[in-house]
Amino acid sequence: MRKIYKSLVRLSIALGIYGAFWFVWLLPVCTYGPLSLILGTTGYYTMRLSRRRILANLSLAFGNSRSESWRQRTCRRLLQEIVRNAIEIIAWSKSRGQAVEKCVSVTGAERLSQALQEERGVVAVCAHLGNFPALQIKLLRMGFPMKVIIRNATNVYLNRLWARMMTCVGMRYIYKADLRRAIEASRQSLRQGDCLCIYLDQHAGNGVRAPFFGHQVMVPVGAAVLSRKYQSPVVGIFTFRGANGRHQVVIEGPYRLQRTTDAEADIRANTALFISRVEAYVRQHPEQWFSWVHRRFR
C-alpha cells in the first residue's frame, strides 16, 4: 500500500507540473515577469518549510554580517528567481533554444576554446546559480561540445518531462544513477574532447570536507578525480542574471591545479579550490543560488 501511495503522490505532482508546463507554454512572453513575481511571492508566504530552510542556511552562511530583513528579502527574491528560471526554460524549449540568443551573453569563451585545444577534454566546475541550464544551452549553440552530469529526479514522470524539454534545446546528459556507467561515459566524453560540466555545490556523502562560508561541508570530488586521472584542464563556468534581466555566463581558468605524487591530498586541495570559486560567485549573487533550499551545511 505504501508503494502505491507514493506512486500516486508522484503521479499527482507530475500531473500538476505538466499542467503548469502547458499553461506557461501557451502564455505570451510579456507575462513571464509578472507571473514569476506573483508565484514566487506566493511561495514565500505558503512554503513554510522551504522558507525556514533557506533562512537557516543564509544565517549559517552570513551570520550577523547580514540583517534579518536582508535574509527575508533574499529568500523572497530567490523563490521569485526559481519560478522565473523555470518559466524561461519552458520558453527556451518552446523556441528550441533560439530564445537564448537574445538573453544570454558569454565572457571568457576564448578560455574554453584554448583549453579544448589541448585535446584532453575539459572539466567544467559549475554551480546551481542563476538559470544554470542557460550556460550549457548557450555554449552548445556557440558550437562548444558540452555535456553535463546530472542526478536523476526521484519522480520518473518529472524525469521524462525534463528530458523532453532539454532534448528540444539539444542538451546532452550523463545520468549518475548508475555510477559505473556514469564513470565510463565521463571517460569517453573527455576522450572525445567534450567539455564535461560537473555541479559540485550540493552535499555529497562520499565527498571530502572543504571550507564553504566558514563551515566544513562535504563536496563532490568528481571534478578533481576526473581532471587528475585524464590530465584534463579545469575551467569554471558560472551564470547569473544581471540588473537588466539578461543572463551572463562567465568562463574562468583554466585553474592552476595541485598535481603531486599524493593523489588524495591533490584531490582535497583541488576540490577546496573549486568550491571556493563557487562561494565567490554565490556571495556576489546570493539571491540566485538554488542550493539554499537544500541542507547544504551538515
Foldseek 3Di string as FASTA:
>chain_A
DVVVVVLVVLVVVLVVVVVVLVVLLPDDPVCLLVVLLVVLQVCLVPVVLLVVLLLVLVCLLCPPVDDSVVSSVLSSLLSSQVSSLVSVLSVCLSVLNPVLVVFEDEDPVVVVVVLLVVLQAEEEEEAQFGSVVSVVLVVVVVPAQEEEEDEDDPRVSVSVVVVSSVVSNPYHYQYCPPVVSSVVVVNVCRNRSHHYYYYWQAADPPAAWADASNATGGTHLVSQVVCLVRVGFYWYWYWHADPVRGIYIYIDDSDDFDDDPDSVVRSRVVRNVSNVVVRVVCVVPVSGHPCSSDPGHD
